Structures are given as C-alpha cells and as structure tokens.
Amino acid sequence: MCVYFTACRCGFSNTVVQILNACETPFETFDVLSDQAVREDIKRYSSWPTIPQVYVEGEFLGGCDVMIEMYQNGELAEILEKANAS
C-alpha cells in the first residue's frame, strides 16, 4: 500500500476517494475527526491547512483541489503508476 490520506466525513474527502477509485489504486484513510490531536499535527507536519491530505509513498501531494487538477492533467496517473510499480 503506497497511498494514504487523512480524511473526514465531507464532500472533499469523498471526491478524493472517487478520484483514487477511478485510478484503480488501493489506498487507506484515517478519519481525523476521530482524533483532534492527529488532525492538528498532520496540518503542522504538511504545512497544509485543510483536510483531506494525500500522501503517496510518504510524500505529501496536496488536498482535494490539487488531486482534481493532477487527475485532470494526467499527472496523478503517472505518479500512481510509478508508486504501484515499486
């Protein structure tokens, strides 16, 4: 498993799930609403203020808006293909 993302019960997280499903890549999530400390720590760790946050092979990619853009321009498929091959 190389794709992880922090999520909450919102439309933005749902959009990321749909994108990853469309890319046919396995992923795991962590619901940050279940742990306030993790929610705040992950924002500091990535220097990204919003949830969801997507990580591929430990590298932070971005949030929902970034995932949409990367999916639409084909960049996400390339990243996931390389990650799934390793």
N, C-alpha and C. Protein backbone atom coordinates (compact mmCIF):
# COMPACT_ATOMS: atom_id res chain seq x y z
N MET A 1 0.85 -1.17 0.00
CA MET A 1 0.00 0.00 0.00
C MET A 1 0.90 1.24 0.00
N CYS A 2 0.69 2.12 -0.96
CA CYS A 2 1.54 3.30 -1.04
C CYS A 2 0.76 4.60 -0.96
N VAL A 3 -0.57 4.54 -0.96
CA VAL A 3 -1.37 5.76 -0.94
C VAL A 3 -2.16 5.82 0.36
N TYR A 4 -1.98 6.91 1.08
CA TYR A 4 -2.69 7.15 2.33
C TYR A 4 -3.24 8.56 2.28
N PHE A 5 -4.39 8.75 2.90
CA PHE A 5 -4.81 10.13 3.06
C PHE A 5 -5.63 10.31 4.30
N THR A 6 -5.47 11.49 4.89
CA THR A 6 -6.26 11.85 6.04
C THR A 6 -7.60 12.34 5.51
N ALA A 7 -8.65 11.96 6.17
CA ALA A 7 -9.97 12.29 5.66
C ALA A 7 -10.90 12.69 6.79
N CYS A 8 -12.00 13.26 6.42
CA CYS A 8 -13.09 13.49 7.34
C CYS A 8 -14.37 13.20 6.55
N ARG A 9 -15.47 13.30 7.19
CA ARG A 9 -16.73 12.95 6.54
C ARG A 9 -17.26 14.17 5.79
N CYS A 10 -16.64 14.47 4.65
CA CYS A 10 -17.04 15.65 3.89
C CYS A 10 -16.98 15.35 2.39
N GLY A 11 -17.52 16.23 1.62
CA GLY A 11 -17.52 16.07 0.18
C GLY A 11 -16.13 16.10 -0.43
N PHE A 12 -15.21 16.85 0.16
CA PHE A 12 -13.85 16.91 -0.38
C PHE A 12 -13.16 15.56 -0.25
N SER A 13 -13.33 14.92 0.91
CA SER A 13 -12.75 13.59 1.10
C SER A 13 -13.41 12.59 0.15
N ASN A 14 -14.71 12.71 -0.03
CA ASN A 14 -15.42 11.84 -0.96
C ASN A 14 -14.89 12.01 -2.38
N THR A 15 -14.60 13.22 -2.77
CA THR A 15 -14.05 13.48 -4.10
C THR A 15 -12.71 12.78 -4.27
N VAL A 16 -11.86 12.84 -3.25
CA VAL A 16 -10.56 12.18 -3.32
C VAL A 16 -10.75 10.67 -3.43
N VAL A 17 -11.67 10.11 -2.68
CA VAL A 17 -11.96 8.67 -2.77
C VAL A 17 -12.38 8.32 -4.19
N GLN A 18 -13.24 9.11 -4.78
CA GLN A 18 -13.71 8.83 -6.14
C GLN A 18 -12.56 8.92 -7.16
N ILE A 19 -11.67 9.88 -6.97
CA ILE A 19 -10.52 10.01 -7.87
C ILE A 19 -9.62 8.79 -7.76
N LEU A 20 -9.31 8.38 -6.52
CA LEU A 20 -8.44 7.22 -6.34
C LEU A 20 -9.10 5.95 -6.85
N ASN A 21 -10.40 5.83 -6.66
CA ASN A 21 -11.11 4.67 -7.22
C ASN A 21 -11.06 4.69 -8.75
N ALA A 22 -11.22 5.86 -9.34
CA ALA A 22 -11.15 5.97 -10.81
C ALA A 22 -9.77 5.59 -11.32
N CYS A 23 -8.75 5.84 -10.52
CA CYS A 23 -7.38 5.48 -10.89
C CYS A 23 -7.08 4.01 -10.58
N GLU A 24 -8.05 3.33 -9.98
CA GLU A 24 -7.92 1.91 -9.63
C GLU A 24 -6.66 1.64 -8.81
N THR A 25 -6.46 2.47 -7.81
CA THR A 25 -5.31 2.29 -6.92
C THR A 25 -5.78 2.01 -5.51
N PRO A 26 -5.15 1.06 -4.83
CA PRO A 26 -5.53 0.81 -3.44
C PRO A 26 -5.05 1.96 -2.55
N PHE A 27 -5.81 2.22 -1.50
CA PHE A 27 -5.44 3.30 -0.58
C PHE A 27 -6.03 3.01 0.79
N GLU A 28 -5.52 3.72 1.77
CA GLU A 28 -6.04 3.66 3.13
C GLU A 28 -6.32 5.08 3.59
N THR A 29 -7.27 5.20 4.49
CA THR A 29 -7.62 6.51 5.03
C THR A 29 -7.55 6.50 6.55
N PHE A 30 -7.47 7.68 7.11
CA PHE A 30 -7.58 7.86 8.55
C PHE A 30 -8.55 9.01 8.78
N ASP A 31 -9.60 8.77 9.54
CA ASP A 31 -10.60 9.79 9.83
C ASP A 31 -10.08 10.71 10.93
N VAL A 32 -9.69 11.90 10.56
CA VAL A 32 -9.10 12.83 11.53
C VAL A 32 -10.13 13.37 12.52
N LEU A 33 -11.42 13.20 12.22
CA LEU A 33 -12.43 13.63 13.18
C LEU A 33 -12.42 12.75 14.43
N SER A 34 -11.82 11.57 14.31
CA SER A 34 -11.76 10.66 15.45
C SER A 34 -10.64 11.01 16.42
N ASP A 35 -9.73 11.90 16.03
CA ASP A 35 -8.60 12.23 16.89
C ASP A 35 -8.14 13.66 16.61
N GLN A 36 -8.55 14.59 17.47
CA GLN A 36 -8.24 16.01 17.28
C GLN A 36 -6.73 16.27 17.24
N ALA A 37 -5.96 15.55 18.05
CA ALA A 37 -4.51 15.76 18.07
C ALA A 37 -3.90 15.41 16.72
N VAL A 38 -4.31 14.31 16.14
CA VAL A 38 -3.81 13.92 14.81
C VAL A 38 -4.22 14.96 13.78
N ARG A 39 -5.45 15.44 13.89
CA ARG A 39 -5.93 16.45 12.94
C ARG A 39 -5.04 17.69 12.94
N GLU A 40 -4.68 18.17 14.11
CA GLU A 40 -3.83 19.35 14.20
C GLU A 40 -2.38 19.04 13.83
N ASP A 41 -1.88 17.89 14.27
CA ASP A 41 -0.49 17.52 13.98
C ASP A 41 -0.25 17.34 12.49
N ILE A 42 -1.20 16.75 11.78
CA ILE A 42 -1.00 16.49 10.35
C ILE A 42 -0.95 17.81 9.57
N LYS A 43 -1.71 18.79 10.03
CA LYS A 43 -1.67 20.11 9.38
C LYS A 43 -0.30 20.76 9.57
N ARG A 44 0.26 20.61 10.76
CA ARG A 44 1.59 21.16 11.01
C ARG A 44 2.65 20.40 10.22
N TYR A 45 2.53 19.09 10.20
CA TYR A 45 3.50 18.22 9.51
C TYR A 45 3.62 18.60 8.03
N SER A 46 2.48 18.78 7.39
CA SER A 46 2.49 19.04 5.94
C SER A 46 2.54 20.52 5.59
N SER A 47 2.32 21.38 6.58
CA SER A 47 2.17 22.82 6.33
C SER A 47 1.01 23.08 5.38
N TRP A 48 -0.01 22.25 5.47
CA TRP A 48 -1.21 22.37 4.63
C TRP A 48 -2.39 22.51 5.59
N PRO A 49 -3.19 23.56 5.45
CA PRO A 49 -4.20 23.85 6.48
C PRO A 49 -5.49 23.05 6.41
N THR A 50 -5.72 22.33 5.34
CA THR A 50 -7.01 21.68 5.17
C THR A 50 -6.91 20.16 5.08
N ILE A 51 -8.05 19.52 5.25
CA ILE A 51 -8.21 18.08 5.13
C ILE A 51 -9.19 17.88 3.98
N PRO A 52 -9.00 16.91 3.12
CA PRO A 52 -8.07 15.80 3.18
C PRO A 52 -6.66 16.17 2.71
N GLN A 53 -5.73 15.30 3.08
CA GLN A 53 -4.35 15.41 2.64
C GLN A 53 -3.93 14.06 2.09
N VAL A 54 -3.36 14.08 0.90
CA VAL A 54 -2.99 12.83 0.23
C VAL A 54 -1.47 12.67 0.23
N TYR A 55 -1.04 11.45 0.57
CA TYR A 55 0.38 11.09 0.61
C TYR A 55 0.59 9.86 -0.27
N VAL A 56 1.59 9.89 -1.12
CA VAL A 56 1.96 8.74 -1.93
C VAL A 56 3.41 8.41 -1.60
N GLU A 57 3.64 7.18 -1.18
CA GLU A 57 4.96 6.73 -0.74
C GLU A 57 5.56 7.70 0.27
N GLY A 58 4.74 8.21 1.18
CA GLY A 58 5.20 9.11 2.22
C GLY A 58 5.34 10.55 1.81
N GLU A 59 5.18 10.85 0.54
CA GLU A 59 5.33 12.22 0.05
C GLU A 59 3.96 12.89 -0.02
N PHE A 60 3.86 14.07 0.56
CA PHE A 60 2.61 14.84 0.54
C PHE A 60 2.36 15.38 -0.86
N LEU A 61 1.17 15.10 -1.40
CA LEU A 61 0.81 15.62 -2.72
C LEU A 61 -0.04 16.87 -2.64
N GLY A 62 -1.00 16.88 -1.73
CA GLY A 62 -1.89 18.03 -1.62
C GLY A 62 -3.27 17.61 -1.16
N GLY A 63 -4.20 18.53 -1.29
CA GLY A 63 -5.57 18.29 -0.89
C GLY A 63 -6.47 18.02 -2.08
N CYS A 64 -7.74 18.18 -1.87
CA CYS A 64 -8.73 17.85 -2.89
C CYS A 64 -8.51 18.63 -4.19
N ASP A 65 -8.31 19.93 -4.08
CA ASP A 65 -8.14 20.75 -5.28
C ASP A 65 -6.93 20.32 -6.10
N VAL A 66 -5.86 20.00 -5.41
CA VAL A 66 -4.64 19.54 -6.09
C VAL A 66 -4.88 18.18 -6.75
N MET A 67 -5.58 17.31 -6.05
CA MET A 67 -5.88 15.98 -6.60
C MET A 67 -6.74 16.08 -7.86
N ILE A 68 -7.72 16.96 -7.85
CA ILE A 68 -8.57 17.16 -9.03
C ILE A 68 -7.71 17.62 -10.21
N GLU A 69 -6.87 18.61 -9.98
CA GLU A 69 -6.02 19.14 -11.04
C GLU A 69 -5.07 18.07 -11.58
N MET A 70 -4.43 17.33 -10.67
CA MET A 70 -3.48 16.30 -11.08
C MET A 70 -4.18 15.16 -11.82
N TYR A 71 -5.39 14.84 -11.41
CA TYR A 71 -6.18 13.81 -12.09
C TYR A 71 -6.54 14.27 -13.50
N GLN A 72 -6.99 15.48 -13.62
CA GLN A 72 -7.44 16.01 -14.92
C GLN A 72 -6.29 16.16 -15.91
N ASN A 73 -5.09 16.51 -15.43
CA ASN A 73 -3.98 16.70 -16.38
C ASN A 73 -3.13 15.44 -16.58
N GLY A 74 -3.51 14.33 -15.90
CA GLY A 74 -2.82 13.07 -16.10
C GLY A 74 -1.62 12.85 -15.20
N GLU A 75 -1.23 13.86 -14.45
CA GLU A 75 -0.06 13.75 -13.59
C GLU A 75 -0.27 12.72 -12.47
N LEU A 76 -1.46 12.65 -11.92
CA LEU A 76 -1.74 11.71 -10.84
C LEU A 76 -1.59 10.27 -11.31
N ALA A 77 -2.08 9.97 -12.49
CA ALA A 77 -1.96 8.60 -13.03
C ALA A 77 -0.50 8.20 -13.15
N GLU A 78 0.34 9.11 -13.59
CA GLU A 78 1.78 8.82 -13.71
C GLU A 78 2.40 8.55 -12.35
N ILE A 79 2.09 9.37 -11.37
CA ILE A 79 2.63 9.20 -10.02
C ILE A 79 2.18 7.87 -9.43
N LEU A 80 0.90 7.56 -9.56
CA LEU A 80 0.37 6.32 -9.00
C LEU A 80 0.92 5.10 -9.72
N GLU A 81 1.11 5.20 -11.02
CA GLU A 81 1.68 4.08 -11.78
C GLU A 81 3.09 3.76 -11.28
N LYS A 82 3.89 4.80 -11.10
CA LYS A 82 5.25 4.59 -10.59
C LYS A 82 5.23 4.02 -9.18
N ALA A 83 4.36 4.57 -8.33
CA ALA A 83 4.29 4.10 -6.94
C ALA A 83 3.82 2.66 -6.85
N ASN A 84 2.85 2.30 -7.66
CA ASN A 84 2.33 0.93 -7.62
C ASN A 84 3.31 -0.07 -8.21
N ALA A 85 4.22 0.40 -9.05
CA ALA A 85 5.23 -0.48 -9.66
C ALA A 85 6.36 -0.80 -8.68
N SER A 86 6.55 0.08 -7.70
CA SER A 86 7.67 -0.12 -6.77
C SER A 86 7.30 -1.03 -5.62
